[in-house]
Amino acid sequence: MSHATDIRTNRLLDMSRPELDRLFRYSPPGEIPRGKGLGTVLLGLDPKMNALAAVLARRLAWQGKVFDPDGRGLRNLVSPFGIRAVRARVYRDQSWSDQGACIVLDYSHTSLVAHWIRDEIRSVGQGVYLGNVYWGRRKVLDFSLTFGDART
């Protein structure tokens, strides 16, 4: 699979977990994002279940991430009110999934509630990033972040 430049969040909701893993593996890290990215939880299950989980997660728990202008940190948008909380450091490093380059969202030194969480993201389209969530060293979830005009 080559790097797709036209992946949109709706397409990611249709993908199984193995398809999401393959897309992540063959995608470049891209530039470190800046500003607000709309978040979507990706379970890698049936597309209808994925869509339902994504809507519920966004309405109740997690709406996305806001990256600092300098690209070195971020805060998550949590709760139905989009409160900026749960800070992470942002930097480039090797992915735990395949040792390729990725952008790491590291909560280990910035958050008491999420210090065991590490996110990794790669660019899968213009303004669209696919992410892996690790709890310790175990991958537990996928997500996407969509920036700017890519939201439509």
N, C-alpha and C. Protein backbone atom coordinates (compact mmCIF):
# COMPACT_ATOMS: atom_id res chain seq x y z
N MET A 1 0.86 -1.18 0.00
CA MET A 1 0.00 0.00 0.00
C MET A 1 0.89 1.22 0.00
N SER A 2 0.66 2.14 -0.91
CA SER A 2 1.43 3.37 -0.94
C SER A 2 0.74 4.42 -0.09
N HIS A 3 1.47 5.48 0.22
CA HIS A 3 0.90 6.56 1.02
C HIS A 3 -0.20 7.23 0.22
N ALA A 4 -1.39 7.24 0.78
CA ALA A 4 -2.53 7.87 0.12
C ALA A 4 -2.60 9.33 0.53
N THR A 5 -2.82 10.21 -0.42
CA THR A 5 -2.87 11.63 -0.10
C THR A 5 -4.29 12.16 -0.04
N ASP A 6 -5.27 11.28 -0.20
CA ASP A 6 -6.65 11.75 -0.18
C ASP A 6 -7.50 11.04 0.86
N ILE A 7 -6.87 10.44 1.86
CA ILE A 7 -7.62 9.75 2.91
C ILE A 7 -8.36 10.80 3.73
N ARG A 8 -9.61 10.53 3.98
CA ARG A 8 -10.44 11.37 4.84
C ARG A 8 -10.91 10.53 6.02
N THR A 9 -11.34 11.19 7.07
CA THR A 9 -11.77 10.49 8.28
C THR A 9 -12.87 9.49 7.98
N ASN A 10 -13.81 9.82 7.13
CA ASN A 10 -14.90 8.88 6.81
C ASN A 10 -14.35 7.57 6.26
N ARG A 11 -13.32 7.64 5.45
CA ARG A 11 -12.70 6.43 4.91
C ARG A 11 -12.04 5.61 6.02
N LEU A 12 -11.42 6.29 6.97
CA LEU A 12 -10.77 5.59 8.08
C LEU A 12 -11.80 4.83 8.93
N LEU A 13 -13.00 5.39 9.06
CA LEU A 13 -14.06 4.72 9.82
C LEU A 13 -14.50 3.41 9.18
N ASP A 14 -14.25 3.27 7.88
CA ASP A 14 -14.62 2.04 7.16
C ASP A 14 -13.54 0.96 7.24
N MET A 15 -12.37 1.29 7.79
CA MET A 15 -11.24 0.35 7.77
C MET A 15 -11.24 -0.56 8.99
N SER A 16 -10.77 -1.79 8.76
CA SER A 16 -10.56 -2.74 9.86
C SER A 16 -9.25 -2.39 10.57
N ARG A 17 -9.04 -2.99 11.72
CA ARG A 17 -7.80 -2.73 12.45
C ARG A 17 -6.56 -3.14 11.63
N PRO A 18 -6.55 -4.31 10.97
CA PRO A 18 -5.39 -4.64 10.13
C PRO A 18 -5.17 -3.61 9.01
N GLU A 19 -6.24 -3.09 8.42
CA GLU A 19 -6.10 -2.06 7.37
C GLU A 19 -5.53 -0.78 7.96
N LEU A 20 -5.99 -0.39 9.14
CA LEU A 20 -5.45 0.81 9.79
C LEU A 20 -3.97 0.62 10.12
N ASP A 21 -3.61 -0.57 10.61
CA ASP A 21 -2.21 -0.86 10.92
C ASP A 21 -1.34 -0.78 9.67
N ARG A 22 -1.84 -1.32 8.56
CA ARG A 22 -1.09 -1.30 7.31
C ARG A 22 -0.92 0.13 6.80
N LEU A 23 -1.99 0.92 6.86
CA LEU A 23 -1.92 2.32 6.44
C LEU A 23 -0.91 3.08 7.29
N PHE A 24 -0.94 2.87 8.60
CA PHE A 24 0.01 3.55 9.48
C PHE A 24 1.44 3.16 9.10
N ARG A 25 1.67 1.87 8.91
CA ARG A 25 3.01 1.36 8.61
C ARG A 25 3.59 1.98 7.34
N TYR A 26 2.77 2.22 6.33
CA TYR A 26 3.26 2.71 5.04
C TYR A 26 3.10 4.22 4.85
N SER A 27 2.80 4.95 5.92
CA SER A 27 2.63 6.39 5.82
C SER A 27 3.81 7.12 6.44
N PRO A 28 4.13 8.30 5.91
CA PRO A 28 5.23 9.10 6.46
C PRO A 28 4.77 9.86 7.70
N PRO A 29 5.70 10.31 8.53
CA PRO A 29 5.30 11.08 9.71
C PRO A 29 4.64 12.41 9.35
N GLY A 30 5.07 13.04 8.29
CA GLY A 30 4.55 14.35 7.94
C GLY A 30 5.11 15.42 8.86
N GLU A 31 4.60 16.61 8.71
CA GLU A 31 5.01 17.73 9.56
C GLU A 31 4.30 17.64 10.90
N ILE A 32 4.93 18.13 11.95
CA ILE A 32 4.25 18.22 13.24
C ILE A 32 3.11 19.21 13.09
N PRO A 33 1.90 18.79 13.42
CA PRO A 33 0.75 19.69 13.23
C PRO A 33 0.79 20.87 14.19
N ARG A 34 0.05 21.91 13.83
CA ARG A 34 -0.14 23.09 14.67
C ARG A 34 -1.63 23.37 14.73
N GLY A 35 -2.10 23.88 15.85
CA GLY A 35 -3.50 24.26 15.97
C GLY A 35 -4.40 23.11 16.35
N LYS A 36 -5.69 23.31 16.11
CA LYS A 36 -6.73 22.38 16.56
C LYS A 36 -6.99 21.28 15.53
N GLY A 37 -6.90 20.04 16.01
CA GLY A 37 -7.24 18.88 15.20
C GLY A 37 -8.47 18.19 15.76
N LEU A 38 -9.46 17.99 14.92
CA LEU A 38 -10.68 17.30 15.32
C LEU A 38 -10.36 15.82 15.45
N GLY A 39 -10.67 15.23 16.61
CA GLY A 39 -10.34 13.84 16.87
C GLY A 39 -11.48 12.90 16.57
N THR A 40 -11.13 11.70 16.10
CA THR A 40 -12.09 10.64 15.84
C THR A 40 -11.50 9.33 16.36
N VAL A 41 -12.22 8.66 17.24
CA VAL A 41 -11.83 7.35 17.73
C VAL A 41 -12.09 6.33 16.63
N LEU A 42 -11.12 5.46 16.38
CA LEU A 42 -11.23 4.43 15.34
C LEU A 42 -11.08 3.06 16.00
N LEU A 43 -12.14 2.30 16.05
CA LEU A 43 -12.09 0.99 16.68
C LEU A 43 -11.65 -0.12 15.73
N GLY A 44 -11.75 0.10 14.43
CA GLY A 44 -11.37 -0.94 13.48
C GLY A 44 -12.35 -2.09 13.42
N LEU A 45 -13.61 -1.82 13.74
CA LEU A 45 -14.66 -2.84 13.71
C LEU A 45 -15.57 -2.61 12.51
N ASP A 46 -16.79 -3.07 12.60
CA ASP A 46 -17.80 -2.81 11.58
C ASP A 46 -17.97 -1.30 11.41
N PRO A 47 -18.08 -0.81 10.17
CA PRO A 47 -18.19 0.65 9.96
C PRO A 47 -19.30 1.33 10.75
N LYS A 48 -20.46 0.68 10.92
CA LYS A 48 -21.54 1.30 11.69
C LYS A 48 -21.17 1.42 13.16
N MET A 49 -20.53 0.38 13.70
CA MET A 49 -20.07 0.43 15.10
C MET A 49 -18.99 1.49 15.27
N ASN A 50 -18.09 1.58 14.29
CA ASN A 50 -17.03 2.60 14.34
C ASN A 50 -17.63 3.99 14.38
N ALA A 51 -18.60 4.25 13.51
CA ALA A 51 -19.22 5.57 13.45
C ALA A 51 -19.95 5.91 14.75
N LEU A 52 -20.66 4.94 15.31
CA LEU A 52 -21.37 5.16 16.56
C LEU A 52 -20.38 5.46 17.69
N ALA A 53 -19.32 4.66 17.80
CA ALA A 53 -18.32 4.88 18.84
C ALA A 53 -17.64 6.24 18.68
N ALA A 54 -17.36 6.63 17.45
CA ALA A 54 -16.72 7.92 17.19
C ALA A 54 -17.60 9.08 17.65
N VAL A 55 -18.89 9.01 17.33
CA VAL A 55 -19.83 10.07 17.73
C VAL A 55 -19.95 10.12 19.25
N LEU A 56 -20.12 8.98 19.88
CA LEU A 56 -20.27 8.95 21.34
C LEU A 56 -19.01 9.47 22.04
N ALA A 57 -17.85 9.02 21.58
CA ALA A 57 -16.60 9.48 22.19
C ALA A 57 -16.44 10.99 22.06
N ARG A 58 -16.75 11.53 20.88
CA ARG A 58 -16.60 12.97 20.68
C ARG A 58 -17.58 13.76 21.53
N ARG A 59 -18.80 13.29 21.65
CA ARG A 59 -19.80 14.03 22.43
C ARG A 59 -19.57 13.94 23.92
N LEU A 60 -19.02 12.82 24.39
CA LEU A 60 -18.92 12.59 25.83
C LEU A 60 -17.53 12.75 26.43
N ALA A 61 -16.48 12.46 25.66
CA ALA A 61 -15.17 12.34 26.30
C ALA A 61 -14.04 13.11 25.63
N TRP A 62 -13.84 12.94 24.33
CA TRP A 62 -12.63 13.46 23.67
C TRP A 62 -12.99 14.05 22.32
N GLN A 63 -12.62 15.32 22.13
CA GLN A 63 -12.96 16.00 20.88
C GLN A 63 -11.77 16.21 19.96
N GLY A 64 -10.57 16.04 20.47
CA GLY A 64 -9.39 16.23 19.63
C GLY A 64 -8.22 16.75 20.43
N LYS A 65 -7.29 17.41 19.73
CA LYS A 65 -6.07 17.91 20.34
C LYS A 65 -5.76 19.29 19.79
N VAL A 66 -5.18 20.13 20.62
CA VAL A 66 -4.71 21.45 20.19
C VAL A 66 -3.20 21.48 20.36
N PHE A 67 -2.49 21.57 19.24
CA PHE A 67 -1.03 21.60 19.24
C PHE A 67 -0.56 23.03 19.43
N ASP A 68 0.48 23.19 20.23
CA ASP A 68 1.07 24.50 20.47
C ASP A 68 1.64 25.08 19.17
N PRO A 69 1.71 26.41 19.08
CA PRO A 69 2.26 27.04 17.87
C PRO A 69 3.70 26.63 17.57
N ASP A 70 4.49 26.32 18.62
CA ASP A 70 5.88 25.91 18.39
C ASP A 70 6.02 24.42 18.08
N GLY A 71 4.91 23.66 18.16
CA GLY A 71 4.92 22.25 17.82
C GLY A 71 5.55 21.34 18.86
N ARG A 72 5.86 21.84 20.05
CA ARG A 72 6.53 21.02 21.06
C ARG A 72 5.60 20.47 22.13
N GLY A 73 4.32 20.84 22.09
CA GLY A 73 3.39 20.35 23.09
C GLY A 73 1.97 20.40 22.56
N LEU A 74 1.05 19.86 23.35
CA LEU A 74 -0.37 19.89 22.99
C LEU A 74 -1.19 19.72 24.25
N ARG A 75 -2.47 19.98 24.09
CA ARG A 75 -3.47 19.66 25.12
C ARG A 75 -4.63 18.98 24.41
N ASN A 76 -5.21 18.00 25.09
CA ASN A 76 -6.38 17.31 24.57
C ASN A 76 -7.63 18.12 24.88
N LEU A 77 -8.61 18.00 24.01
CA LEU A 77 -9.92 18.62 24.23
C LEU A 77 -10.83 17.54 24.80
N VAL A 78 -11.14 17.67 26.09
CA VAL A 78 -11.89 16.63 26.78
C VAL A 78 -13.21 17.16 27.32
N SER A 79 -14.13 16.26 27.56
CA SER A 79 -15.47 16.51 28.09
C SER A 79 -16.37 17.04 26.98
N PRO A 80 -17.66 17.07 27.20
CA PRO A 80 -18.57 17.63 26.20
C PRO A 80 -18.32 19.12 25.92
N PHE A 81 -17.55 19.76 26.80
CA PHE A 81 -17.30 21.20 26.68
C PHE A 81 -15.98 21.53 26.01
N GLY A 82 -15.19 20.52 25.64
CA GLY A 82 -13.93 20.76 24.96
C GLY A 82 -12.89 21.46 25.81
N ILE A 83 -12.81 21.08 27.08
CA ILE A 83 -11.83 21.68 27.99
C ILE A 83 -10.43 21.25 27.58
N ARG A 84 -9.51 22.21 27.53
CA ARG A 84 -8.12 21.90 27.19
C ARG A 84 -7.42 21.34 28.42
N ALA A 85 -7.09 20.07 28.38
CA ALA A 85 -6.47 19.38 29.52
C ALA A 85 -5.58 18.27 28.99
N VAL A 86 -4.91 17.60 29.87
CA VAL A 86 -4.06 16.44 29.58
C VAL A 86 -2.98 16.83 28.56
N ARG A 87 -1.95 17.46 29.06
CA ARG A 87 -0.84 17.95 28.25
C ARG A 87 0.08 16.81 27.83
N ALA A 88 0.68 16.95 26.65
CA ALA A 88 1.68 16.00 26.16
C ALA A 88 2.84 16.76 25.52
N ARG A 89 4.00 16.17 25.56
CA ARG A 89 5.15 16.67 24.79
C ARG A 89 5.06 16.07 23.39
N VAL A 90 5.51 16.81 22.41
CA VAL A 90 5.45 16.36 21.01
C VAL A 90 6.87 16.38 20.44
N TYR A 91 7.25 15.27 19.79
CA TYR A 91 8.58 15.19 19.18
C TYR A 91 8.60 14.04 18.17
N ARG A 92 9.63 14.01 17.36
CA ARG A 92 9.83 12.92 16.39
C ARG A 92 10.66 11.82 17.04
N ASP A 93 10.30 10.58 16.73
CA ASP A 93 11.06 9.44 17.25
C ASP A 93 10.67 8.21 16.42
N GLN A 94 11.18 7.06 16.83
CA GLN A 94 10.83 5.81 16.17
C GLN A 94 9.52 5.27 16.74
N SER A 95 8.70 4.72 15.84
CA SER A 95 7.44 4.10 16.25
C SER A 95 7.70 2.79 16.96
N TRP A 96 6.90 2.51 17.98
CA TRP A 96 6.98 1.22 18.64
C TRP A 96 6.43 0.11 17.76
N SER A 97 5.60 0.46 16.77
CA SER A 97 4.99 -0.59 15.94
C SER A 97 5.93 -1.13 14.88
N ASP A 98 6.77 -0.26 14.30
CA ASP A 98 7.62 -0.71 13.19
C ASP A 98 9.00 -0.06 13.15
N GLN A 99 9.37 0.70 14.14
CA GLN A 99 10.64 1.39 14.25
C GLN A 99 10.87 2.45 13.18
N GLY A 100 9.83 2.76 12.38
CA GLY A 100 9.93 3.85 11.41
C GLY A 100 9.68 5.19 12.10
N ALA A 101 9.94 6.25 11.38
CA ALA A 101 9.76 7.60 11.92
C ALA A 101 8.28 7.89 12.16
N CYS A 102 8.01 8.59 13.25
CA CYS A 102 6.65 9.01 13.57
C CYS A 102 6.72 10.26 14.44
N ILE A 103 5.58 10.84 14.70
CA ILE A 103 5.46 11.94 15.64
C ILE A 103 4.90 11.36 16.93
N VAL A 104 5.60 11.56 18.03
CA VAL A 104 5.21 11.01 19.32
C VAL A 104 4.50 12.08 20.15
N LEU A 105 3.41 11.68 20.78
CA LEU A 105 2.67 12.51 21.73
C LEU A 105 2.86 11.82 23.08
N ASP A 106 3.76 12.36 23.89
CA ASP A 106 4.26 11.69 25.08
C ASP A 106 3.68 12.32 26.34
N TYR A 107 2.92 11.53 27.09
CA TYR A 107 2.27 12.00 28.31
C TYR A 107 3.05 11.61 29.57
N SER A 108 4.17 10.92 29.43
CA SER A 108 4.86 10.32 30.58
C SER A 108 5.38 11.34 31.59
N HIS A 109 5.73 12.54 31.16
CA HIS A 109 6.28 13.55 32.07
C HIS A 109 5.38 14.76 32.23
N THR A 110 4.20 14.72 31.64
CA THR A 110 3.34 15.91 31.64
C THR A 110 1.97 15.69 32.26
N SER A 111 1.60 14.45 32.53
CA SER A 111 0.24 14.17 32.97
C SER A 111 0.22 13.12 34.08
N LEU A 112 -0.45 13.43 35.16
CA LEU A 112 -0.64 12.43 36.21
C LEU A 112 -1.66 11.38 35.81
N VAL A 113 -2.71 11.80 35.10
CA VAL A 113 -3.78 10.86 34.74
C VAL A 113 -3.45 10.01 33.52
N ALA A 114 -2.51 10.44 32.70
CA ALA A 114 -2.20 9.70 31.47
C ALA A 114 -0.71 9.42 31.32
N HIS A 115 0.03 9.35 32.41
CA HIS A 115 1.48 9.20 32.32
C HIS A 115 1.93 7.88 31.69
N TRP A 116 1.06 6.91 31.59
CA TRP A 116 1.39 5.62 30.97
C TRP A 116 0.98 5.56 29.50
N ILE A 117 0.47 6.69 28.96
CA ILE A 117 -0.02 6.73 27.58
C ILE A 117 1.02 7.35 26.65
N ARG A 118 1.14 6.77 25.48
CA ARG A 118 1.97 7.32 24.39
C ARG A 118 1.14 7.19 23.13
N ASP A 119 1.01 8.29 22.40
CA ASP A 119 0.36 8.28 21.09
C ASP A 119 1.44 8.44 20.03
N GLU A 120 1.22 7.83 18.88
CA GLU A 120 2.08 8.02 17.72
C GLU A 120 1.19 8.39 16.55
N ILE A 121 1.60 9.39 15.76
CA ILE A 121 0.81 9.77 14.60
C ILE A 121 1.68 9.82 13.35
N ARG A 122 1.01 9.59 12.22
CA ARG A 122 1.61 9.73 10.89
C ARG A 122 0.57 10.35 9.97
N SER A 123 1.07 11.06 8.97
CA SER A 123 0.21 11.72 8.00
C SER A 123 -0.32 10.71 6.99
N VAL A 124 -1.65 10.69 6.82
CA VAL A 124 -2.26 9.79 5.85
C VAL A 124 -3.00 10.55 4.75
N GLY A 125 -2.94 11.85 4.79
CA GLY A 125 -3.59 12.69 3.80
C GLY A 125 -3.38 14.14 4.15
N GLN A 126 -3.76 15.01 3.26
CA GLN A 126 -3.62 16.44 3.49
C GLN A 126 -4.43 16.85 4.73
N GLY A 127 -3.73 17.19 5.81
CA GLY A 127 -4.41 17.60 7.04
C GLY A 127 -5.02 16.48 7.85
N VAL A 128 -4.70 15.22 7.52
CA VAL A 128 -5.26 14.07 8.23
C VAL A 128 -4.13 13.19 8.76
N TYR A 129 -4.19 12.89 10.05
CA TYR A 129 -3.20 12.04 10.71
C TYR A 129 -3.89 10.82 11.30
N LEU A 130 -3.23 9.69 11.19
CA LEU A 130 -3.69 8.45 11.81
C LEU A 130 -2.82 8.22 13.04
N GLY A 131 -3.46 7.87 14.16
CA GLY A 131 -2.71 7.69 15.39
C GLY A 131 -2.93 6.35 16.04
N ASN A 132 -1.89 5.91 16.76
CA ASN A 132 -1.94 4.72 17.60
C ASN A 132 -1.84 5.16 19.05
N VAL A 133 -2.61 4.55 19.92
CA VAL A 133 -2.54 4.81 21.36
C VAL A 133 -1.93 3.59 22.03
N TYR A 134 -0.88 3.83 22.82
CA TYR A 134 -0.26 2.77 23.60
C TYR A 134 -0.50 3.02 25.08
N TRP A 135 -0.86 1.97 25.79
CA TRP A 135 -0.97 1.97 27.25
C TRP A 135 0.20 1.11 27.70
N GLY A 136 1.21 1.73 28.29
CA GLY A 136 2.46 1.02 28.49
C GLY A 136 3.05 0.75 27.12
N ARG A 137 3.38 -0.50 26.82
CA ARG A 137 3.88 -0.85 25.48
C ARG A 137 2.82 -1.56 24.64
N ARG A 138 1.57 -1.61 25.13
CA ARG A 138 0.50 -2.33 24.43
C ARG A 138 -0.38 -1.36 23.64
N LYS A 139 -0.53 -1.60 22.35
CA LYS A 139 -1.41 -0.77 21.54
C LYS A 139 -2.86 -1.10 21.89
N VAL A 140 -3.64 -0.05 22.18
CA VAL A 140 -5.01 -0.27 22.63
C VAL A 140 -6.07 0.38 21.74
N LEU A 141 -5.68 1.32 20.88
CA LEU A 141 -6.70 2.07 20.15
C LEU A 141 -6.06 2.81 18.99
N ASP A 142 -6.88 3.11 17.98
CA ASP A 142 -6.48 3.99 16.88
C ASP A 142 -7.35 5.24 16.93
N PHE A 143 -6.86 6.32 16.34
CA PHE A 143 -7.62 7.56 16.24
C PHE A 143 -7.13 8.34 15.04
N SER A 144 -7.91 9.33 14.66
CA SER A 144 -7.45 10.25 13.62
C SER A 144 -7.56 11.67 14.14
N LEU A 145 -6.76 12.54 13.56
CA LEU A 145 -6.83 13.98 13.79
C LEU A 145 -6.96 14.64 12.44
N THR A 146 -7.91 15.55 12.33
CA THR A 146 -8.17 16.23 11.06
C THR A 146 -8.05 17.74 11.27
N PHE A 147 -7.23 18.37 10.45
CA PHE A 147 -6.92 19.80 10.58
C PHE A 147 -7.43 20.58 9.38
N GLY A 148 -7.89 21.80 9.63
CA GLY A 148 -8.23 22.75 8.58
C GLY A 148 -9.26 22.26 7.59
N ASP A 149 -8.99 22.51 6.31
CA ASP A 149 -9.94 22.19 5.23
C ASP A 149 -10.21 20.70 5.08
N ALA A 150 -9.35 19.85 5.63
CA ALA A 150 -9.55 18.39 5.50
C ALA A 150 -10.77 17.92 6.29
N ARG A 151 -11.33 18.77 7.15
CA ARG A 151 -12.50 18.38 7.95
C ARG A 151 -13.74 18.19 7.12
N THR A 152 -13.81 18.83 5.98
CA THR A 152 -15.03 18.77 5.17
C THR A 152 -15.00 17.61 4.21
